Amino acid sequence: MGFDRAAIRGGMMLRGLYNWVMRLSASRHAAFALFAIAFAESSFFPVPPDVMLAPMVLARPERTWRYAAICTAGSIIGGILGYAIGHELHPVGHFLLAITGNAGAEPFIRRQVDHFGVLFILALGLVPIPYKLITITTGMFNFPLWQLIAASCVTRSVRFFGVSALVRRFGPTLLPIIERRLLLASSLVVVAAVAVLAAVHLMSHS
């Protein structure tokens, strides 16, 4: 019962943060807030910037690529902070991973990076896995920072420009799906990650 109550509180907190981000997307400071959310999500914030990016693109489609660029820049720069936390402040890094449900992730990430190299970072940057999982853990085991930045430039650009293009193309039909499927999307993260890793593994051995 205690676990159930904790799960309910966690779900309510996530929904509350999601609603707050959605309100920010309609404010006159939305562009700055989008950068801040993308920055924070790469190091400590639990809500992905996609949920703010989508309604902003819907409201101002002529600014689609500007918003995608802002989101990408925030995520990349925030990733450098996440790396610094993992590299210089191990206890803080472990704490942030624990409170966002990723405790003990460092050994797994390190094994995959050792095996797949930068391809692993490129793959996980595309799927709905918290990017802080990559940025903090690579800092913990001294992965070359320049490689993380280069991979982030590629994978986060593909992610956010792709989301923006889809929202612009299909319009408001996507927004209700994002809102109704927030919790379902989190349960599909593992499936998406396994599929991406399998594809990367086949490519590296072809």
N, C-alpha and C. Protein backbone atom coordinates (compact mmCIF):
# COMPACT_ATOMS: atom_id res chain seq x y z
N MET A 1 0.83 -1.21 0.00
CA MET A 1 0.00 0.00 0.00
C MET A 1 0.87 1.26 0.00
N GLY A 2 2.01 1.22 0.76
CA GLY A 2 2.91 2.35 0.79
C GLY A 2 3.47 2.64 -0.58
N PHE A 3 3.84 1.54 -1.31
CA PHE A 3 4.36 1.72 -2.67
C PHE A 3 3.30 2.33 -3.57
N ASP A 4 2.04 1.88 -3.41
CA ASP A 4 0.96 2.42 -4.23
C ASP A 4 0.76 3.90 -3.97
N ARG A 5 0.81 4.30 -2.70
CA ARG A 5 0.64 5.71 -2.38
C ARG A 5 1.78 6.53 -2.94
N ALA A 6 3.02 5.99 -2.86
CA ALA A 6 4.17 6.70 -3.40
C ALA A 6 4.06 6.85 -4.90
N ALA A 7 3.59 5.79 -5.56
CA ALA A 7 3.43 5.85 -7.02
C ALA A 7 2.37 6.87 -7.42
N ILE A 8 1.27 6.92 -6.62
CA ILE A 8 0.21 7.89 -6.91
C ILE A 8 0.74 9.31 -6.72
N ARG A 9 1.47 9.53 -5.61
CA ARG A 9 2.03 10.87 -5.38
C ARG A 9 2.99 11.25 -6.49
N GLY A 10 3.82 10.28 -6.93
CA GLY A 10 4.75 10.55 -8.01
C GLY A 10 4.04 10.91 -9.29
N GLY A 11 2.95 10.18 -9.59
CA GLY A 11 2.18 10.47 -10.79
C GLY A 11 1.52 11.84 -10.72
N MET A 12 1.00 12.20 -9.52
CA MET A 12 0.37 13.50 -9.35
C MET A 12 1.39 14.63 -9.49
N MET A 13 2.61 14.40 -8.95
CA MET A 13 3.64 15.43 -9.07
C MET A 13 4.04 15.62 -10.54
N LEU A 14 4.19 14.49 -11.27
CA LEU A 14 4.53 14.58 -12.68
C LEU A 14 3.45 15.31 -13.46
N ARG A 15 2.19 14.99 -13.16
CA ARG A 15 1.09 15.67 -13.85
C ARG A 15 1.07 17.16 -13.51
N GLY A 16 1.35 17.50 -12.24
CA GLY A 16 1.39 18.90 -11.85
C GLY A 16 2.49 19.66 -12.58
N LEU A 17 3.67 19.06 -12.68
CA LEU A 17 4.78 19.69 -13.41
C LEU A 17 4.44 19.83 -14.89
N TYR A 18 3.80 18.79 -15.44
CA TYR A 18 3.40 18.83 -16.85
C TYR A 18 2.43 20.00 -17.09
N ASN A 19 1.44 20.15 -16.21
CA ASN A 19 0.47 21.23 -16.37
C ASN A 19 1.14 22.60 -16.24
N TRP A 20 2.12 22.70 -15.34
CA TRP A 20 2.85 23.96 -15.18
C TRP A 20 3.63 24.29 -16.44
N VAL A 21 4.29 23.29 -17.04
CA VAL A 21 5.03 23.51 -18.28
C VAL A 21 4.08 23.93 -19.39
N MET A 22 2.90 23.29 -19.45
CA MET A 22 1.93 23.66 -20.48
C MET A 22 1.47 25.12 -20.31
N ARG A 23 1.31 25.57 -19.08
CA ARG A 23 0.93 26.96 -18.87
C ARG A 23 2.04 27.91 -19.32
N LEU A 24 3.28 27.51 -19.06
CA LEU A 24 4.41 28.32 -19.50
C LEU A 24 4.43 28.48 -21.02
N SER A 25 4.01 27.44 -21.74
CA SER A 25 4.06 27.48 -23.20
C SER A 25 3.14 28.55 -23.78
N ALA A 26 2.16 29.00 -22.99
CA ALA A 26 1.22 30.03 -23.46
C ALA A 26 1.56 31.41 -22.94
N SER A 27 2.65 31.54 -22.19
CA SER A 27 3.02 32.83 -21.61
C SER A 27 3.82 33.66 -22.61
N ARG A 28 3.98 34.94 -22.31
CA ARG A 28 4.74 35.81 -23.21
C ARG A 28 6.24 35.57 -23.09
N HIS A 29 6.64 34.79 -22.10
CA HIS A 29 8.05 34.43 -21.94
C HIS A 29 8.29 32.99 -22.40
N ALA A 30 7.45 32.49 -23.29
CA ALA A 30 7.49 31.08 -23.65
C ALA A 30 8.83 30.66 -24.25
N ALA A 31 9.41 31.49 -25.11
CA ALA A 31 10.67 31.11 -25.76
C ALA A 31 11.79 30.96 -24.73
N PHE A 32 11.87 31.91 -23.80
CA PHE A 32 12.88 31.80 -22.73
C PHE A 32 12.61 30.58 -21.86
N ALA A 33 11.33 30.36 -21.53
CA ALA A 33 10.97 29.22 -20.69
C ALA A 33 11.30 27.90 -21.40
N LEU A 34 11.10 27.84 -22.71
CA LEU A 34 11.43 26.63 -23.47
C LEU A 34 12.91 26.33 -23.36
N PHE A 35 13.75 27.35 -23.52
CA PHE A 35 15.20 27.16 -23.37
C PHE A 35 15.52 26.65 -21.96
N ALA A 36 14.90 27.28 -20.94
CA ALA A 36 15.18 26.90 -19.56
C ALA A 36 14.75 25.46 -19.27
N ILE A 37 13.58 25.05 -19.76
CA ILE A 37 13.11 23.68 -19.53
C ILE A 37 14.01 22.68 -20.24
N ALA A 38 14.40 22.97 -21.48
CA ALA A 38 15.29 22.07 -22.22
C ALA A 38 16.64 21.97 -21.52
N PHE A 39 17.14 23.10 -21.03
CA PHE A 39 18.40 23.12 -20.29
C PHE A 39 18.31 22.27 -19.03
N ALA A 40 17.24 22.50 -18.26
CA ALA A 40 17.09 21.80 -16.99
C ALA A 40 16.86 20.31 -17.17
N GLU A 41 16.13 19.91 -18.23
CA GLU A 41 15.82 18.49 -18.43
C GLU A 41 17.08 17.68 -18.68
N SER A 42 18.13 18.31 -19.19
CA SER A 42 19.37 17.59 -19.47
C SER A 42 20.23 17.39 -18.23
N SER A 43 19.79 17.97 -17.10
CA SER A 43 20.59 17.82 -15.89
C SER A 43 19.80 17.45 -14.64
N PHE A 44 18.53 17.92 -14.52
CA PHE A 44 17.82 17.58 -13.27
C PHE A 44 16.30 17.58 -13.39
N PHE A 45 15.70 18.24 -14.37
CA PHE A 45 14.24 18.40 -14.42
C PHE A 45 13.58 17.17 -15.04
N PRO A 46 12.45 16.68 -14.48
CA PRO A 46 11.88 15.41 -14.96
C PRO A 46 10.99 15.49 -16.20
N VAL A 47 10.49 16.68 -16.56
CA VAL A 47 9.54 16.78 -17.68
C VAL A 47 10.29 17.12 -18.97
N PRO A 48 10.13 16.34 -20.04
CA PRO A 48 10.83 16.62 -21.29
C PRO A 48 10.31 17.90 -21.95
N PRO A 49 11.18 18.62 -22.65
CA PRO A 49 10.76 19.88 -23.26
C PRO A 49 9.79 19.70 -24.43
N ASP A 50 9.66 18.48 -24.94
CA ASP A 50 8.74 18.22 -26.05
C ASP A 50 7.32 18.67 -25.74
N VAL A 51 6.90 18.50 -24.47
CA VAL A 51 5.51 18.82 -24.11
C VAL A 51 5.26 20.33 -24.12
N MET A 52 6.32 21.11 -24.06
CA MET A 52 6.20 22.56 -24.19
C MET A 52 6.42 22.98 -25.64
N LEU A 53 7.33 22.32 -26.30
CA LEU A 53 7.63 22.63 -27.70
C LEU A 53 6.41 22.44 -28.59
N ALA A 54 5.68 21.36 -28.39
CA ALA A 54 4.55 21.02 -29.26
C ALA A 54 3.47 22.11 -29.28
N PRO A 55 2.93 22.55 -28.13
CA PRO A 55 1.90 23.59 -28.19
C PRO A 55 2.42 24.93 -28.69
N MET A 56 3.71 25.21 -28.49
CA MET A 56 4.27 26.45 -29.00
C MET A 56 4.31 26.43 -30.53
N VAL A 57 4.67 25.28 -31.10
CA VAL A 57 4.67 25.15 -32.56
C VAL A 57 3.25 25.25 -33.10
N LEU A 58 2.29 24.66 -32.39
CA LEU A 58 0.90 24.73 -32.82
C LEU A 58 0.39 26.18 -32.82
N ALA A 59 0.80 26.93 -31.80
CA ALA A 59 0.31 28.30 -31.68
C ALA A 59 0.97 29.25 -32.68
N ARG A 60 2.26 29.01 -32.96
CA ARG A 60 2.99 29.89 -33.88
C ARG A 60 3.77 29.04 -34.88
N PRO A 61 3.10 28.43 -35.85
CA PRO A 61 3.80 27.54 -36.79
C PRO A 61 4.89 28.23 -37.60
N GLU A 62 4.76 29.55 -37.77
CA GLU A 62 5.79 30.27 -38.53
C GLU A 62 7.11 30.34 -37.76
N ARG A 63 7.07 30.02 -36.46
CA ARG A 63 8.29 30.00 -35.63
C ARG A 63 8.77 28.58 -35.32
N THR A 64 8.31 27.64 -36.09
CA THR A 64 8.62 26.23 -35.83
C THR A 64 10.12 25.99 -35.67
N TRP A 65 10.89 26.42 -36.65
CA TRP A 65 12.32 26.10 -36.64
C TRP A 65 13.08 26.92 -35.61
N ARG A 66 12.58 28.13 -35.33
CA ARG A 66 13.18 28.93 -34.26
C ARG A 66 13.00 28.23 -32.92
N TYR A 67 11.79 27.73 -32.64
CA TYR A 67 11.55 27.04 -31.38
C TYR A 67 12.37 25.75 -31.30
N ALA A 68 12.47 25.03 -32.41
CA ALA A 68 13.26 23.80 -32.43
C ALA A 68 14.72 24.10 -32.12
N ALA A 69 15.24 25.20 -32.68
CA ALA A 69 16.63 25.58 -32.44
C ALA A 69 16.85 25.98 -30.99
N ILE A 70 15.89 26.72 -30.41
CA ILE A 70 16.00 27.12 -29.00
C ILE A 70 16.01 25.89 -28.10
N CYS A 71 15.12 24.96 -28.38
CA CYS A 71 15.03 23.74 -27.58
C CYS A 71 16.31 22.91 -27.69
N THR A 72 16.83 22.81 -28.90
CA THR A 72 18.06 22.04 -29.12
C THR A 72 19.23 22.68 -28.38
N ALA A 73 19.38 24.00 -28.50
CA ALA A 73 20.48 24.70 -27.84
C ALA A 73 20.40 24.54 -26.32
N GLY A 74 19.21 24.69 -25.77
CA GLY A 74 19.05 24.53 -24.33
C GLY A 74 19.44 23.14 -23.86
N SER A 75 19.04 22.13 -24.62
CA SER A 75 19.34 20.74 -24.25
C SER A 75 20.83 20.47 -24.30
N ILE A 76 21.50 20.96 -25.34
CA ILE A 76 22.94 20.73 -25.48
C ILE A 76 23.72 21.42 -24.36
N ILE A 77 23.41 22.69 -24.10
CA ILE A 77 24.12 23.42 -23.06
C ILE A 77 23.81 22.83 -21.68
N GLY A 78 22.54 22.45 -21.46
CA GLY A 78 22.19 21.80 -20.20
C GLY A 78 22.91 20.48 -20.02
N GLY A 79 23.17 19.79 -21.13
CA GLY A 79 23.91 18.54 -21.06
C GLY A 79 25.32 18.74 -20.54
N ILE A 80 25.93 19.88 -20.85
CA ILE A 80 27.27 20.17 -20.33
C ILE A 80 27.21 20.32 -18.81
N LEU A 81 26.17 20.97 -18.31
CA LEU A 81 25.99 21.06 -16.86
C LEU A 81 25.80 19.66 -16.26
N GLY A 82 24.97 18.83 -16.90
CA GLY A 82 24.78 17.47 -16.40
C GLY A 82 26.09 16.70 -16.34
N TYR A 83 26.90 16.84 -17.38
CA TYR A 83 28.22 16.19 -17.41
C TYR A 83 29.08 16.69 -16.25
N ALA A 84 29.08 18.02 -16.03
CA ALA A 84 29.89 18.59 -14.96
C ALA A 84 29.44 18.08 -13.59
N ILE A 85 28.13 17.93 -13.41
CA ILE A 85 27.62 17.38 -12.15
C ILE A 85 28.14 15.97 -11.94
N GLY A 86 28.04 15.14 -12.98
CA GLY A 86 28.51 13.76 -12.85
C GLY A 86 30.01 13.68 -12.65
N HIS A 87 30.75 14.58 -13.28
CA HIS A 87 32.22 14.54 -13.22
C HIS A 87 32.78 15.10 -11.92
N GLU A 88 32.18 16.19 -11.46
CA GLU A 88 32.74 16.90 -10.30
C GLU A 88 31.97 16.68 -9.01
N LEU A 89 30.69 16.35 -9.12
CA LEU A 89 29.83 16.25 -7.93
C LEU A 89 29.12 14.90 -7.94
N HIS A 90 29.87 13.83 -7.73
CA HIS A 90 29.29 12.48 -7.81
C HIS A 90 28.07 12.30 -6.90
N PRO A 91 28.15 12.70 -5.62
CA PRO A 91 26.97 12.50 -4.75
C PRO A 91 25.73 13.21 -5.28
N VAL A 92 25.90 14.42 -5.81
CA VAL A 92 24.77 15.15 -6.37
C VAL A 92 24.24 14.42 -7.60
N GLY A 93 25.15 13.93 -8.43
CA GLY A 93 24.74 13.18 -9.62
C GLY A 93 23.95 11.94 -9.27
N HIS A 94 24.43 11.18 -8.28
CA HIS A 94 23.71 9.98 -7.85
C HIS A 94 22.34 10.34 -7.27
N PHE A 95 22.29 11.45 -6.52
CA PHE A 95 21.02 11.90 -5.94
C PHE A 95 20.02 12.26 -7.04
N LEU A 96 20.47 13.01 -8.06
CA LEU A 96 19.57 13.41 -9.14
C LEU A 96 19.06 12.20 -9.91
N LEU A 97 19.93 11.23 -10.14
CA LEU A 97 19.50 10.01 -10.84
C LEU A 97 18.49 9.24 -9.99
N ALA A 98 18.72 9.21 -8.68
CA ALA A 98 17.83 8.46 -7.78
C ALA A 98 16.44 9.07 -7.73
N ILE A 99 16.36 10.40 -7.59
CA ILE A 99 15.04 11.03 -7.44
C ILE A 99 14.26 11.07 -8.75
N THR A 100 14.95 10.84 -9.86
CA THR A 100 14.25 10.78 -11.15
C THR A 100 14.06 9.34 -11.62
N GLY A 101 14.28 8.38 -10.69
CA GLY A 101 13.99 6.98 -10.99
C GLY A 101 15.07 6.25 -11.77
N ASN A 102 16.31 6.76 -11.74
CA ASN A 102 17.39 6.14 -12.51
C ASN A 102 18.57 5.73 -11.63
N ALA A 103 18.28 5.40 -10.38
CA ALA A 103 19.35 4.99 -9.47
C ALA A 103 20.04 3.73 -10.00
N GLY A 104 21.35 3.70 -9.88
CA GLY A 104 22.11 2.53 -10.31
C GLY A 104 22.29 2.41 -11.81
N ALA A 105 22.01 3.49 -12.54
CA ALA A 105 22.09 3.42 -14.00
C ALA A 105 23.52 3.48 -14.53
N GLU A 106 24.45 4.00 -13.73
CA GLU A 106 25.81 4.24 -14.22
C GLU A 106 26.48 2.98 -14.77
N PRO A 107 26.45 1.83 -14.06
CA PRO A 107 27.12 0.64 -14.61
C PRO A 107 26.56 0.20 -15.96
N PHE A 108 25.24 0.26 -16.10
CA PHE A 108 24.63 -0.14 -17.37
C PHE A 108 25.05 0.80 -18.50
N ILE A 109 24.97 2.12 -18.25
CA ILE A 109 25.35 3.09 -19.27
C ILE A 109 26.81 2.91 -19.65
N ARG A 110 27.65 2.69 -18.66
CA ARG A 110 29.09 2.55 -18.94
C ARG A 110 29.36 1.32 -19.80
N ARG A 111 28.68 0.21 -19.50
CA ARG A 111 28.87 -1.01 -20.31
C ARG A 111 28.45 -0.76 -21.75
N GLN A 112 27.31 -0.09 -21.93
CA GLN A 112 26.82 0.14 -23.29
C GLN A 112 27.72 1.10 -24.05
N VAL A 113 28.19 2.15 -23.37
CA VAL A 113 29.09 3.10 -24.04
C VAL A 113 30.42 2.44 -24.38
N ASP A 114 30.92 1.59 -23.48
CA ASP A 114 32.16 0.87 -23.77
C ASP A 114 31.98 -0.03 -24.99
N HIS A 115 30.79 -0.61 -25.15
CA HIS A 115 30.54 -1.55 -26.24
C HIS A 115 30.19 -0.84 -27.54
N PHE A 116 29.27 0.15 -27.46
CA PHE A 116 28.77 0.79 -28.68
C PHE A 116 29.42 2.14 -28.97
N GLY A 117 30.09 2.71 -27.97
CA GLY A 117 30.70 4.00 -28.17
C GLY A 117 29.67 5.11 -28.30
N VAL A 118 30.01 6.10 -29.12
CA VAL A 118 29.15 7.27 -29.27
C VAL A 118 27.81 6.92 -29.93
N LEU A 119 27.73 5.77 -30.61
CA LEU A 119 26.47 5.35 -31.22
C LEU A 119 25.37 5.17 -30.18
N PHE A 120 25.77 4.73 -28.99
CA PHE A 120 24.78 4.55 -27.92
C PHE A 120 24.17 5.89 -27.52
N ILE A 121 25.01 6.93 -27.42
CA ILE A 121 24.52 8.25 -27.06
C ILE A 121 23.62 8.79 -28.16
N LEU A 122 24.02 8.59 -29.41
CA LEU A 122 23.20 9.04 -30.54
C LEU A 122 21.83 8.37 -30.51
N ALA A 123 21.79 7.08 -30.18
CA ALA A 123 20.53 6.34 -30.16
C ALA A 123 19.63 6.81 -29.01
N LEU A 124 20.18 6.91 -27.81
CA LEU A 124 19.35 7.27 -26.66
C LEU A 124 18.91 8.72 -26.69
N GLY A 125 19.63 9.56 -27.43
CA GLY A 125 19.20 10.94 -27.54
C GLY A 125 17.93 11.12 -28.34
N LEU A 126 17.53 10.07 -29.08
CA LEU A 126 16.34 10.14 -29.92
C LEU A 126 15.09 9.62 -29.25
N VAL A 127 15.24 8.75 -28.26
CA VAL A 127 14.08 8.10 -27.64
C VAL A 127 13.69 8.84 -26.37
N PRO A 128 12.46 8.62 -25.86
CA PRO A 128 11.98 9.37 -24.69
C PRO A 128 12.56 8.88 -23.37
N ILE A 129 13.89 8.86 -23.31
CA ILE A 129 14.60 8.55 -22.07
C ILE A 129 15.20 9.86 -21.56
N PRO A 130 15.10 10.15 -20.26
CA PRO A 130 15.66 11.41 -19.76
C PRO A 130 17.12 11.58 -20.18
N TYR A 131 17.42 12.71 -20.83
CA TYR A 131 18.78 12.88 -21.35
C TYR A 131 19.80 13.04 -20.24
N LYS A 132 19.33 13.44 -19.04
CA LYS A 132 20.23 13.54 -17.90
C LYS A 132 20.86 12.20 -17.57
N LEU A 133 20.18 11.11 -17.92
CA LEU A 133 20.72 9.77 -17.69
C LEU A 133 22.04 9.60 -18.44
N ILE A 134 22.13 10.17 -19.64
CA ILE A 134 23.35 10.11 -20.43
C ILE A 134 24.37 11.14 -19.94
N THR A 135 23.92 12.38 -19.77
CA THR A 135 24.88 13.45 -19.48
C THR A 135 25.55 13.26 -18.12
N ILE A 136 24.77 12.92 -17.10
CA ILE A 136 25.36 12.76 -15.76
C ILE A 136 26.26 11.53 -15.70
N THR A 137 25.80 10.41 -16.24
CA THR A 137 26.59 9.18 -16.13
C THR A 137 27.87 9.25 -16.96
N THR A 138 27.84 9.87 -18.14
CA THR A 138 29.08 9.98 -18.91
C THR A 138 30.10 10.84 -18.18
N GLY A 139 29.62 11.84 -17.44
CA GLY A 139 30.53 12.62 -16.61
C GLY A 139 31.14 11.80 -15.50
N MET A 140 30.36 10.87 -14.95
CA MET A 140 30.85 10.04 -13.85
C MET A 140 32.02 9.15 -14.25
N PHE A 141 31.98 8.64 -15.49
CA PHE A 141 33.10 7.76 -15.88
C PHE A 141 34.02 8.40 -16.93
N ASN A 142 34.06 9.73 -16.92
CA ASN A 142 35.06 10.48 -17.69
C ASN A 142 35.00 10.22 -19.19
N PHE A 143 33.81 10.07 -19.73
CA PHE A 143 33.68 9.98 -21.18
C PHE A 143 34.13 11.32 -21.77
N PRO A 144 34.81 11.31 -22.93
CA PRO A 144 35.29 12.58 -23.50
C PRO A 144 34.15 13.59 -23.71
N LEU A 145 34.29 14.75 -23.11
CA LEU A 145 33.23 15.76 -23.17
C LEU A 145 32.96 16.19 -24.61
N TRP A 146 34.01 16.33 -25.42
CA TRP A 146 33.80 16.81 -26.78
C TRP A 146 32.97 15.82 -27.59
N GLN A 147 33.12 14.52 -27.30
CA GLN A 147 32.31 13.53 -27.99
C GLN A 147 30.84 13.63 -27.56
N LEU A 148 30.60 13.87 -26.27
CA LEU A 148 29.23 14.05 -25.80
C LEU A 148 28.59 15.26 -26.46
N ILE A 149 29.34 16.37 -26.54
CA ILE A 149 28.79 17.59 -27.15
C ILE A 149 28.49 17.35 -28.62
N ALA A 150 29.42 16.71 -29.34
CA ALA A 150 29.21 16.44 -30.76
C ALA A 150 27.99 15.55 -30.98
N ALA A 151 27.88 14.48 -30.16
CA ALA A 151 26.74 13.57 -30.29
C ALA A 151 25.44 14.29 -29.93
N SER A 152 25.49 15.16 -28.92
CA SER A 152 24.30 15.90 -28.52
C SER A 152 23.83 16.83 -29.62
N CYS A 153 24.77 17.48 -30.30
CA CYS A 153 24.39 18.38 -31.40
C CYS A 153 23.61 17.63 -32.48
N VAL A 154 24.04 16.40 -32.75
CA VAL A 154 23.38 15.61 -33.79
C VAL A 154 22.04 15.07 -33.30
N THR A 155 22.07 14.36 -32.19
CA THR A 155 20.89 13.61 -31.77
C THR A 155 19.77 14.51 -31.25
N ARG A 156 20.13 15.60 -30.55
CA ARG A 156 19.08 16.49 -30.05
C ARG A 156 18.49 17.33 -31.17
N SER A 157 19.30 17.66 -32.18
CA SER A 157 18.76 18.36 -33.35
C SER A 157 17.74 17.49 -34.06
N VAL A 158 18.10 16.22 -34.30
CA VAL A 158 17.18 15.31 -34.96
C VAL A 158 15.90 15.15 -34.14
N ARG A 159 16.05 15.03 -32.84
CA ARG A 159 14.90 14.83 -31.95
C ARG A 159 13.94 16.02 -32.01
N PHE A 160 14.44 17.21 -31.74
CA PHE A 160 13.54 18.36 -31.59
C PHE A 160 13.08 18.95 -32.92
N PHE A 161 13.93 18.92 -33.92
CA PHE A 161 13.47 19.37 -35.24
C PHE A 161 12.47 18.36 -35.81
N GLY A 162 12.68 17.07 -35.49
CA GLY A 162 11.72 16.06 -35.94
C GLY A 162 10.37 16.20 -35.27
N VAL A 163 10.37 16.42 -33.94
CA VAL A 163 9.11 16.63 -33.22
C VAL A 163 8.40 17.86 -33.76
N SER A 164 9.15 18.93 -33.98
CA SER A 164 8.55 20.17 -34.49
C SER A 164 7.94 19.97 -35.86
N ALA A 165 8.65 19.24 -36.73
CA ALA A 165 8.13 18.99 -38.08
C ALA A 165 6.85 18.16 -38.03
N LEU A 166 6.80 17.16 -37.15
CA LEU A 166 5.61 16.33 -37.04
C LEU A 166 4.41 17.14 -36.52
N VAL A 167 4.66 17.94 -35.51
CA VAL A 167 3.57 18.75 -34.95
C VAL A 167 3.08 19.76 -35.98
N ARG A 168 4.00 20.37 -36.70
CA ARG A 168 3.60 21.34 -37.73
C ARG A 168 2.82 20.66 -38.85
N ARG A 169 3.22 19.44 -39.18
CA ARG A 169 2.57 18.73 -40.29
C ARG A 169 1.18 18.23 -39.91
N PHE A 170 1.06 17.64 -38.71
CA PHE A 170 -0.21 17.00 -38.33
C PHE A 170 -1.08 17.87 -37.43
N GLY A 171 -0.51 18.98 -36.95
CA GLY A 171 -1.31 19.96 -36.24
C GLY A 171 -1.82 19.51 -34.89
N PRO A 172 -2.96 20.04 -34.46
CA PRO A 172 -3.47 19.83 -33.10
C PRO A 172 -3.88 18.40 -32.80
N THR A 173 -3.91 17.52 -33.80
CA THR A 173 -4.27 16.13 -33.52
C THR A 173 -3.26 15.46 -32.61
N LEU A 174 -2.01 15.97 -32.59
CA LEU A 174 -0.99 15.36 -31.74
C LEU A 174 -1.10 15.77 -30.28
N LEU A 175 -1.59 16.98 -30.01
CA LEU A 175 -1.60 17.48 -28.64
C LEU A 175 -2.45 16.66 -27.69
N PRO A 176 -3.70 16.29 -28.05
CA PRO A 176 -4.46 15.43 -27.14
C PRO A 176 -3.79 14.09 -26.88
N ILE A 177 -3.07 13.58 -27.88
CA ILE A 177 -2.36 12.31 -27.69
C ILE A 177 -1.27 12.48 -26.66
N ILE A 178 -0.52 13.58 -26.74
CA ILE A 178 0.53 13.84 -25.76
C ILE A 178 -0.06 13.93 -24.37
N GLU A 179 -1.18 14.62 -24.22
CA GLU A 179 -1.78 14.82 -22.90
C GLU A 179 -2.36 13.52 -22.33
N ARG A 180 -3.07 12.74 -23.18
CA ARG A 180 -3.72 11.52 -22.67
C ARG A 180 -2.73 10.40 -22.43
N ARG A 181 -1.64 10.40 -23.17
CA ARG A 181 -0.72 9.27 -23.12
C ARG A 181 0.56 9.54 -22.35
N LEU A 182 0.55 10.54 -21.48
CA LEU A 182 1.77 10.89 -20.76
C LEU A 182 2.33 9.72 -19.97
N LEU A 183 1.48 9.05 -19.18
CA LEU A 183 1.96 7.93 -18.38
C LEU A 183 2.24 6.70 -19.25
N LEU A 184 1.42 6.49 -20.28
CA LEU A 184 1.66 5.37 -21.18
C LEU A 184 3.00 5.50 -21.87
N ALA A 185 3.34 6.73 -22.27
CA ALA A 185 4.60 6.94 -22.96
C ALA A 185 5.78 6.54 -22.09
N SER A 186 5.69 6.82 -20.78
CA SER A 186 6.79 6.46 -19.89
C SER A 186 6.96 4.95 -19.79
N SER A 187 5.88 4.19 -19.91
CA SER A 187 5.97 2.73 -19.84
C SER A 187 6.54 2.12 -21.12
N LEU A 188 6.54 2.91 -22.20
CA LEU A 188 7.07 2.41 -23.47
C LEU A 188 8.55 2.74 -23.65
N VAL A 189 9.13 3.45 -22.69
CA VAL A 189 10.52 3.85 -22.82
C VAL A 189 11.44 2.65 -22.96
N VAL A 190 11.22 1.63 -22.12
CA VAL A 190 12.10 0.46 -22.15
C VAL A 190 12.01 -0.25 -23.50
N VAL A 191 10.80 -0.39 -24.01
CA VAL A 191 10.62 -1.05 -25.31
C VAL A 191 11.35 -0.28 -26.41
N ALA A 192 11.22 1.04 -26.40
CA ALA A 192 11.88 1.86 -27.41
C ALA A 192 13.39 1.75 -27.31
N ALA A 193 13.90 1.76 -26.07
CA ALA A 193 15.35 1.67 -25.89
C ALA A 193 15.90 0.34 -26.39
N VAL A 194 15.20 -0.74 -26.07
CA VAL A 194 15.65 -2.06 -26.52
C VAL A 194 15.67 -2.13 -28.04
N ALA A 195 14.64 -1.60 -28.68
CA ALA A 195 14.58 -1.62 -30.15
C ALA A 195 15.73 -0.84 -30.76
N VAL A 196 16.00 0.34 -30.20
CA VAL A 196 17.08 1.17 -30.74
C VAL A 196 18.43 0.49 -30.55
N LEU A 197 18.66 -0.07 -29.36
CA LEU A 197 19.94 -0.73 -29.11
C LEU A 197 20.12 -1.96 -30.01
N ALA A 198 19.05 -2.68 -30.25
CA ALA A 198 19.14 -3.84 -31.15
C ALA A 198 19.52 -3.40 -32.55
N ALA A 199 18.92 -2.29 -33.00
CA ALA A 199 19.24 -1.78 -34.33
C ALA A 199 20.71 -1.32 -34.42
N VAL A 200 21.17 -0.62 -33.37
CA VAL A 200 22.56 -0.18 -33.35
C VAL A 200 23.51 -1.37 -33.34
N HIS A 201 23.16 -2.40 -32.57
CA HIS A 201 23.99 -3.59 -32.51
C HIS A 201 24.10 -4.27 -33.87
N LEU A 202 23.00 -4.38 -34.58
CA LEU A 202 23.02 -5.01 -35.91
C LEU A 202 23.83 -4.16 -36.88
N MET A 203 23.70 -2.85 -36.80
CA MET A 203 24.45 -1.97 -37.70
C MET A 203 25.95 -2.08 -37.47
N SER A 204 26.33 -2.18 -36.19
CA SER A 204 27.77 -2.23 -35.87
C SER A 204 28.40 -3.54 -36.26
N HIS A 205 27.57 -4.59 -36.52
CA HIS A 205 28.12 -5.89 -36.89
C HIS A 205 27.82 -6.25 -38.34
N SER A 206 27.25 -5.30 -39.09
CA SER A 206 26.93 -5.59 -40.49
C SER A 206 28.15 -5.34 -41.39
